[in-house]
Amino acid sequence: MSSGLKSTLSSYASATKKVRQTVNSVIDENSFVELDAFMGGANELGQIRGEGVYCGLATVGDRDVAVVAFNPEVFSGGISKRGAEKVERLVKRACDASLPLITFIDSAGARVLEGVDALYGYDLILSAYSKAYGTVPVITAVTGKCFGMTAYLSGLSDLFVCVEKAKVSTSSPLILTGDDTKDCSGAKNHYKTSGIVTNLVKDETELRGLIMTALEDLCDVVSYSDDDPNRVCETLSARSNVKNVLAEAFDADSVLELRGGVASEVTTAFAKLNGITVAVVGVDGRLTAKGAAKITDFINTADNAGIPVVDLVNSTGVVIDAHQETHCLIRNVSDMIYAYNNLSVPRISLVCGKAVGAAYSIFASKTSCDYTMAWDVAVISPMEKDSAAYLLYGKDIAKAKNPAAAEKKFAAKYSGENTAMYAAEKGYVDTVILPNHSRQYLIAALQTMVKR
């Protein structure tokens, strides 16, 4: 080996030490094959080998993947035009070979010294990921900074994961914040407020475990399970909520929740039913604008991956809130309805509480669901019983000697006319079941729609 090549290899190894450590902590040992290693150029600041982007092929849990990692040791991970071309080539290779795409971001943004060339580089990256999303599983992990337009990869990824120390912003926090404004770029803030972060992890070891689980869910729709498909869910009852159903009716230790920090009335999670991966949407309460957006993102991911959707419904409809309604509530719910009605995967709904008003139409209607079931104690009605009592029997209640008792009487009458069995008799529900038989019926319905 010539002294010149030795020197080049040594300097390149030194310049990529940190990014290699990050990648190696997630991929299988000695599995990385680097591509375009020495692609690069020079500017007034010096020679740039690799263009600050570490690209290649590897395995994670013995599964072939394509890897892109932005190197924070080269101009703080700044993105150049040639670096973007390198990313674009790797993403195209992933799409052509149907490989999951894993991206590690630790970047301060574009290399502003390049001027419009850097902006063109951004366009190359965003265009490439737009084509990849929906074609192959896309998992993006922010391990440090994610400043600039790479933040928009959050909407072009099936999972957008951050380590707790990470920061995400469309601009430098110094530019984005003012003297009296707190830094809003923290990963925890985006997990709990904006909702763009699907999962938080403490470190890179936890990141590997999460990515392995996500790849299994996104790539292996059908697998083996040793959890008894006929298991009776003894703890489920009329008082159980959506999270209780998710914990008890699905395969043990199979639940991977996404975007758990935002819109608490909605639970979105991958889980398994007798080894079949499903995308679970649980609605427990009134749906908010953020909840609707959370659902839309999740079912789009499920549809892209060919994963069946299971709705768990205990909802009294959409939130009544003038502020949300005059901002993004109507549009977000409309987008969600469109996504639901254009799914190409099987969809099952279980009403495990209430399906009132829009909650039935959106989450449990046989128009858009392949199979709908309800607990025997479920309520399926146009509106809640107390409101309905006043609307339908308001004059009688006002005339009664004991208005409170009269209201209770008429509310009970309305409830008796809006049971799950009543809806089933009219053909609006396929079957009515006991809560502790939820697992058996969900599996039976799903297995008729998915080939093992």
Foldseek 3Di string as FASTA:
>chain_A
DDPVVVVVVVVLCVQCVVVVVLVCLQFPPPFWDWDQQQPWQADPVGTDGLQQKTWTWGHFVNAIATEIEGRCSGVHSAHFLSNLVVVLVSLVVCLVVQHEYEYEDGHQYHPCVRPVRRVVSLVSNVVSLQVSQLRHAYEYEYEAEAEAPSLVCLLSHLAYEYEQRHFYYNHPQVVVDDPPDDRQGGPLNCLQPVLSHFYYDNDSNVVNVLVVLVCCLLAPQADAAPPDLQAFQVPDALPDFPVSCVCRQFGHPFWDWTSCNYDVQWTWTWTHQRRGIATEIEGAEAAALVNLQVQLSNVSSCLSSQHEYEYEDAYQYHDDDPVRVVPRGVVSNVSSQVSLQPRPHAYEYEHSAEQEAVSCVRGAFVVRHVAYEYEQAYFYYPGQLLVVLCVPPVVVLVPDPHSVVSSVVSSVVVRVCGTRVNCVVVVGHVYYHHRRRVSNVVNVVVPVRDDD
